């Protein structure tokens, strides 16, 4: 998959990820709760894939000399979180449906 194709896929995932408070940032470092992104770290001379936690804790997920590799890593992170969110939303929908039908 090309970088542009992965960007488009991540754009499609954004509304679902946003429901869970997750923001995907492409090509720059922006601190913020539940932010995932990648950028070129000029100091290190490498592409860096990062995550920020609930309290803006900054975690480097991967450093690489290849932008394509960095985008692929970010895409995998976003895809995992997207699929996890969809599963959660489906479980919640089923739970609410059972509650409406008087089941536990």
N, C-alpha and C. Protein backbone atom coordinates (compact mmCIF):
# COMPACT_ATOMS: atom_id res chain seq x y z
N UNK A 1 0.86 -1.17 0.00
CA UNK A 1 0.00 0.00 0.00
C UNK A 1 0.91 1.24 0.00
N UNK A 2 0.57 2.21 -0.80
CA UNK A 2 1.37 3.43 -0.86
C UNK A 2 1.08 4.33 0.33
N UNK A 3 1.97 5.29 0.53
CA UNK A 3 1.79 6.25 1.62
C UNK A 3 0.46 6.99 1.47
N UNK A 4 0.15 7.41 0.25
CA UNK A 4 -1.09 8.15 0.00
C UNK A 4 -2.32 7.29 0.28
N UNK A 5 -2.26 6.01 -0.08
CA UNK A 5 -3.38 5.10 0.20
C UNK A 5 -3.58 4.93 1.71
N UNK A 6 -2.46 4.81 2.43
CA UNK A 6 -2.56 4.68 3.89
C UNK A 6 -3.12 5.96 4.51
N UNK A 7 -2.71 7.12 3.98
CA UNK A 7 -3.25 8.40 4.47
C UNK A 7 -4.76 8.43 4.29
N UNK A 8 -5.23 8.01 3.10
CA UNK A 8 -6.68 8.01 2.82
C UNK A 8 -7.42 7.06 3.76
N UNK A 9 -6.83 5.89 4.00
CA UNK A 9 -7.46 4.93 4.91
C UNK A 9 -7.54 5.50 6.33
N UNK A 10 -6.46 6.16 6.77
CA UNK A 10 -6.47 6.73 8.11
C UNK A 10 -7.47 7.88 8.21
N UNK A 11 -7.66 8.62 7.12
CA UNK A 11 -8.68 9.68 7.11
C UNK A 11 -10.07 9.07 7.29
N UNK A 12 -10.31 7.92 6.66
CA UNK A 12 -11.60 7.23 6.80
C UNK A 12 -11.80 6.73 8.23
N UNK A 13 -10.72 6.35 8.90
CA UNK A 13 -10.80 5.84 10.26
C UNK A 13 -11.01 6.95 11.29
N UNK A 14 -10.65 8.17 10.93
CA UNK A 14 -10.62 9.29 11.89
C UNK A 14 -11.93 9.50 12.65
N UNK A 15 -13.11 9.46 12.01
CA UNK A 15 -14.34 9.68 12.79
C UNK A 15 -14.55 8.64 13.89
N UNK A 16 -14.24 7.38 13.61
CA UNK A 16 -14.39 6.32 14.61
C UNK A 16 -13.35 6.50 15.71
N UNK A 17 -12.10 6.76 15.32
CA UNK A 17 -11.04 6.96 16.31
C UNK A 17 -11.35 8.18 17.18
N UNK A 18 -11.90 9.21 16.56
CA UNK A 18 -12.25 10.42 17.29
C UNK A 18 -13.30 10.18 18.36
N UNK A 19 -14.18 9.23 18.14
CA UNK A 19 -15.19 8.90 19.16
C UNK A 19 -14.53 8.36 20.42
N UNK A 20 -13.32 7.82 20.25
CA UNK A 20 -12.57 7.28 21.38
C UNK A 20 -11.51 8.29 21.85
N UNK A 21 -11.53 9.49 21.28
CA UNK A 21 -10.60 10.54 21.68
C UNK A 21 -9.24 10.47 21.05
N UNK A 22 -9.05 9.60 20.06
CA UNK A 22 -7.74 9.41 19.42
C UNK A 22 -7.63 10.31 18.19
N UNK A 23 -6.53 11.05 18.11
CA UNK A 23 -6.23 11.89 16.95
C UNK A 23 -5.02 11.33 16.23
N UNK A 24 -5.08 11.28 14.90
CA UNK A 24 -3.96 10.86 14.07
C UNK A 24 -3.37 12.11 13.43
N UNK A 25 -2.05 12.29 13.57
CA UNK A 25 -1.36 13.47 13.05
C UNK A 25 -0.32 12.99 12.05
N UNK A 26 -0.39 13.54 10.85
CA UNK A 26 0.52 13.14 9.78
C UNK A 26 1.59 14.20 9.52
N UNK A 27 2.85 13.80 9.65
CA UNK A 27 3.96 14.64 9.23
C UNK A 27 4.42 15.70 10.21
N UNK A 28 3.91 15.70 11.44
CA UNK A 28 4.39 16.68 12.43
C UNK A 28 4.12 16.17 13.84
N UNK A 29 4.84 16.75 14.76
CA UNK A 29 4.68 16.37 16.16
C UNK A 29 3.76 17.37 16.85
N UNK A 30 2.64 16.87 17.34
CA UNK A 30 1.70 17.70 18.07
C UNK A 30 1.37 16.97 19.36
N UNK A 31 1.79 17.52 20.50
CA UNK A 31 1.44 16.87 21.76
C UNK A 31 -0.05 17.04 22.04
N UNK A 32 -0.60 16.06 22.66
CA UNK A 32 -2.02 16.10 23.03
C UNK A 32 -2.46 14.74 23.50
N UNK A 33 -3.42 14.70 24.36
CA UNK A 33 -3.91 13.43 24.87
C UNK A 33 -4.38 12.53 23.74
N UNK A 34 -3.96 11.31 23.78
CA UNK A 34 -4.35 10.26 22.83
C UNK A 34 -4.04 10.61 21.38
N UNK A 35 -2.91 11.28 21.16
CA UNK A 35 -2.45 11.60 19.81
C UNK A 35 -1.50 10.52 19.33
N UNK A 36 -1.66 10.13 18.07
CA UNK A 36 -0.74 9.20 17.41
C UNK A 36 -0.26 9.91 16.15
N UNK A 37 1.02 9.80 15.85
CA UNK A 37 1.49 10.48 14.65
C UNK A 37 2.89 10.08 14.25
N UNK A 38 3.38 10.76 13.22
CA UNK A 38 4.75 10.56 12.77
C UNK A 38 5.27 11.88 12.23
N UNK A 39 6.58 12.05 12.26
CA UNK A 39 7.22 13.25 11.72
C UNK A 39 8.71 12.97 11.55
N UNK A 40 9.39 13.88 10.86
CA UNK A 40 10.83 13.75 10.71
C UNK A 40 11.50 14.50 11.84
N UNK A 41 12.22 13.77 12.68
CA UNK A 41 12.94 14.34 13.80
C UNK A 41 14.31 14.79 13.28
N UNK A 42 14.44 16.08 13.02
CA UNK A 42 15.68 16.59 12.43
C UNK A 42 16.88 16.41 13.35
N UNK A 43 16.65 16.48 14.64
CA UNK A 43 17.74 16.30 15.60
C UNK A 43 18.35 14.90 15.50
N UNK A 44 17.49 13.89 15.39
CA UNK A 44 17.94 12.50 15.28
C UNK A 44 18.22 12.10 13.84
N UNK A 45 17.66 12.85 12.88
CA UNK A 45 17.82 12.49 11.48
C UNK A 45 17.02 11.27 11.09
N UNK A 46 15.92 11.03 11.81
CA UNK A 46 15.10 9.84 11.58
C UNK A 46 13.62 10.20 11.60
N UNK A 47 12.81 9.36 10.95
CA UNK A 47 11.36 9.46 11.04
C UNK A 47 10.96 8.81 12.35
N UNK A 48 10.05 9.45 13.05
CA UNK A 48 9.65 8.99 14.37
C UNK A 48 8.14 8.80 14.42
N UNK A 49 7.73 7.63 14.88
CA UNK A 49 6.31 7.33 15.11
C UNK A 49 6.11 7.46 16.62
N UNK A 50 5.08 8.20 17.02
CA UNK A 50 4.89 8.48 18.44
C UNK A 50 3.44 8.33 18.88
N UNK A 51 3.29 8.20 20.18
CA UNK A 51 1.98 8.18 20.83
C UNK A 51 2.06 9.09 22.04
N UNK A 52 0.96 9.76 22.32
CA UNK A 52 0.84 10.54 23.55
C UNK A 52 -0.27 9.91 24.37
N UNK A 53 -0.01 9.77 25.65
CA UNK A 53 -1.00 9.16 26.54
C UNK A 53 -2.00 10.16 27.07
N UNK A 54 -2.77 9.71 28.03
CA UNK A 54 -3.85 10.51 28.60
C UNK A 54 -3.35 11.83 29.18
N UNK A 55 -2.17 11.81 29.76
CA UNK A 55 -1.62 13.02 30.39
C UNK A 55 -0.48 13.60 29.56
N UNK A 56 -0.60 13.44 28.25
CA UNK A 56 0.39 13.95 27.28
C UNK A 56 1.77 13.31 27.42
N UNK A 57 1.84 12.11 28.02
CA UNK A 57 3.11 11.41 28.06
C UNK A 57 3.50 11.07 26.63
N UNK A 58 4.74 11.31 26.28
CA UNK A 58 5.21 11.13 24.91
C UNK A 58 6.00 9.82 24.82
N UNK A 59 5.58 8.94 23.91
CA UNK A 59 6.26 7.66 23.71
C UNK A 59 6.70 7.53 22.26
N UNK A 60 7.97 7.23 22.06
CA UNK A 60 8.45 6.95 20.71
C UNK A 60 8.16 5.48 20.44
N UNK A 61 7.33 5.22 19.43
CA UNK A 61 6.97 3.85 19.08
C UNK A 61 7.99 3.23 18.13
N UNK A 62 8.56 4.09 17.26
CA UNK A 62 9.53 3.59 16.30
C UNK A 62 10.33 4.74 15.73
N UNK A 63 11.60 4.51 15.47
CA UNK A 63 12.44 5.44 14.73
C UNK A 63 13.01 4.68 13.54
N UNK A 64 13.00 5.32 12.37
CA UNK A 64 13.46 4.66 11.16
C UNK A 64 13.97 5.70 10.17
N UNK A 65 14.80 5.26 9.27
CA UNK A 65 15.30 6.14 8.22
C UNK A 65 14.36 6.24 7.04
N UNK A 66 13.29 5.44 7.06
CA UNK A 66 12.35 5.38 5.93
C UNK A 66 11.00 5.98 6.30
N UNK A 67 10.57 6.98 5.54
CA UNK A 67 9.24 7.54 5.78
C UNK A 67 8.16 6.50 5.53
N UNK A 68 8.32 5.69 4.49
CA UNK A 68 7.33 4.64 4.18
C UNK A 68 7.16 3.70 5.38
N UNK A 69 8.28 3.31 5.98
CA UNK A 69 8.22 2.41 7.13
C UNK A 69 7.51 3.07 8.32
N UNK A 70 7.77 4.36 8.52
CA UNK A 70 7.11 5.10 9.60
C UNK A 70 5.61 5.17 9.37
N UNK A 71 5.21 5.46 8.13
CA UNK A 71 3.77 5.55 7.81
C UNK A 71 3.12 4.18 7.99
N UNK A 72 3.80 3.12 7.57
CA UNK A 72 3.25 1.77 7.73
C UNK A 72 3.05 1.44 9.21
N UNK A 73 4.00 1.82 10.06
CA UNK A 73 3.86 1.58 11.50
C UNK A 73 2.67 2.35 12.07
N UNK A 74 2.56 3.63 11.70
CA UNK A 74 1.43 4.43 12.17
C UNK A 74 0.11 3.85 11.68
N UNK A 75 0.09 3.42 10.43
CA UNK A 75 -1.12 2.82 9.86
C UNK A 75 -1.54 1.58 10.66
N UNK A 76 -0.57 0.73 11.02
CA UNK A 76 -0.89 -0.47 11.80
C UNK A 76 -1.44 -0.11 13.17
N UNK A 77 -0.87 0.91 13.80
CA UNK A 77 -1.36 1.37 15.10
C UNK A 77 -2.80 1.88 14.97
N UNK A 78 -3.02 2.72 13.96
CA UNK A 78 -4.36 3.29 13.74
C UNK A 78 -5.37 2.19 13.42
N UNK A 79 -4.97 1.26 12.58
CA UNK A 79 -5.87 0.16 12.19
C UNK A 79 -6.25 -0.68 13.41
N UNK A 80 -5.29 -0.99 14.27
CA UNK A 80 -5.57 -1.76 15.48
C UNK A 80 -6.56 -1.01 16.38
N UNK A 81 -6.30 0.27 16.60
CA UNK A 81 -7.18 1.05 17.47
C UNK A 81 -8.57 1.21 16.84
N UNK A 82 -8.62 1.36 15.52
CA UNK A 82 -9.89 1.47 14.81
C UNK A 82 -10.71 0.20 14.99
N UNK A 83 -10.09 -0.95 14.76
CA UNK A 83 -10.80 -2.23 14.88
C UNK A 83 -11.22 -2.48 16.32
N UNK A 84 -10.37 -2.12 17.28
CA UNK A 84 -10.73 -2.26 18.70
C UNK A 84 -11.93 -1.39 19.05
N UNK A 85 -11.96 -0.18 18.53
CA UNK A 85 -13.08 0.73 18.79
C UNK A 85 -14.36 0.19 18.17
N UNK A 86 -14.28 -0.33 16.95
CA UNK A 86 -15.47 -0.91 16.31
C UNK A 86 -16.02 -2.08 17.12
N UNK A 87 -15.12 -2.94 17.63
CA UNK A 87 -15.58 -4.07 18.45
C UNK A 87 -16.26 -3.56 19.73
N UNK A 88 -15.67 -2.56 20.35
CA UNK A 88 -16.25 -1.99 21.57
C UNK A 88 -17.64 -1.40 21.27
N UNK A 89 -17.75 -0.64 20.19
CA UNK A 89 -19.03 -0.03 19.84
C UNK A 89 -20.09 -1.08 19.55
N UNK A 90 -19.69 -2.17 18.93
CA UNK A 90 -20.63 -3.25 18.64
C UNK A 90 -21.08 -3.93 19.94
N UNK A 91 -20.16 -4.18 20.86
CA UNK A 91 -20.54 -4.77 22.15
C UNK A 91 -21.50 -3.85 22.90
N UNK A 92 -21.24 -2.55 22.86
CA UNK A 92 -22.13 -1.60 23.53
C UNK A 92 -23.51 -1.58 22.88
N UNK A 93 -23.55 -1.64 21.56
CA UNK A 93 -24.84 -1.69 20.86
C UNK A 93 -25.62 -2.92 21.27
N UNK A 94 -24.95 -4.07 21.32
CA UNK A 94 -25.61 -5.31 21.72
C UNK A 94 -26.08 -5.25 23.17
N UNK A 95 -25.27 -4.68 24.04
CA UNK A 95 -25.63 -4.54 25.45
C UNK A 95 -26.88 -3.68 25.60
N UNK A 96 -26.93 -2.56 24.90
CA UNK A 96 -28.09 -1.67 24.96
C UNK A 96 -29.33 -2.35 24.41
N UNK A 97 -29.15 -3.12 23.36
CA UNK A 97 -30.27 -3.84 22.78
C UNK A 97 -30.82 -4.88 23.76
N UNK A 98 -29.93 -5.58 24.45
CA UNK A 98 -30.37 -6.56 25.46
C UNK A 98 -31.10 -5.85 26.60
N UNK A 99 -30.59 -4.72 27.01
CA UNK A 99 -31.22 -3.96 28.11
C UNK A 99 -32.63 -3.53 27.70
N UNK A 100 -32.80 -3.10 26.46
CA UNK A 100 -34.11 -2.66 25.99
C UNK A 100 -35.09 -3.85 25.92
N UNK A 101 -34.55 -5.03 25.67
CA UNK A 101 -35.39 -6.22 25.60
C UNK A 101 -35.56 -6.90 26.95
N UNK A 102 -35.06 -6.29 28.00
CA UNK A 102 -35.24 -6.83 29.35
C UNK A 102 -34.31 -7.98 29.69
N UNK A 103 -33.23 -8.15 28.93
CA UNK A 103 -32.25 -9.18 29.21
C UNK A 103 -31.05 -8.57 29.91
N UNK A 104 -30.21 -9.43 30.47
CA UNK A 104 -28.97 -8.95 31.10
C UNK A 104 -27.80 -9.08 30.18
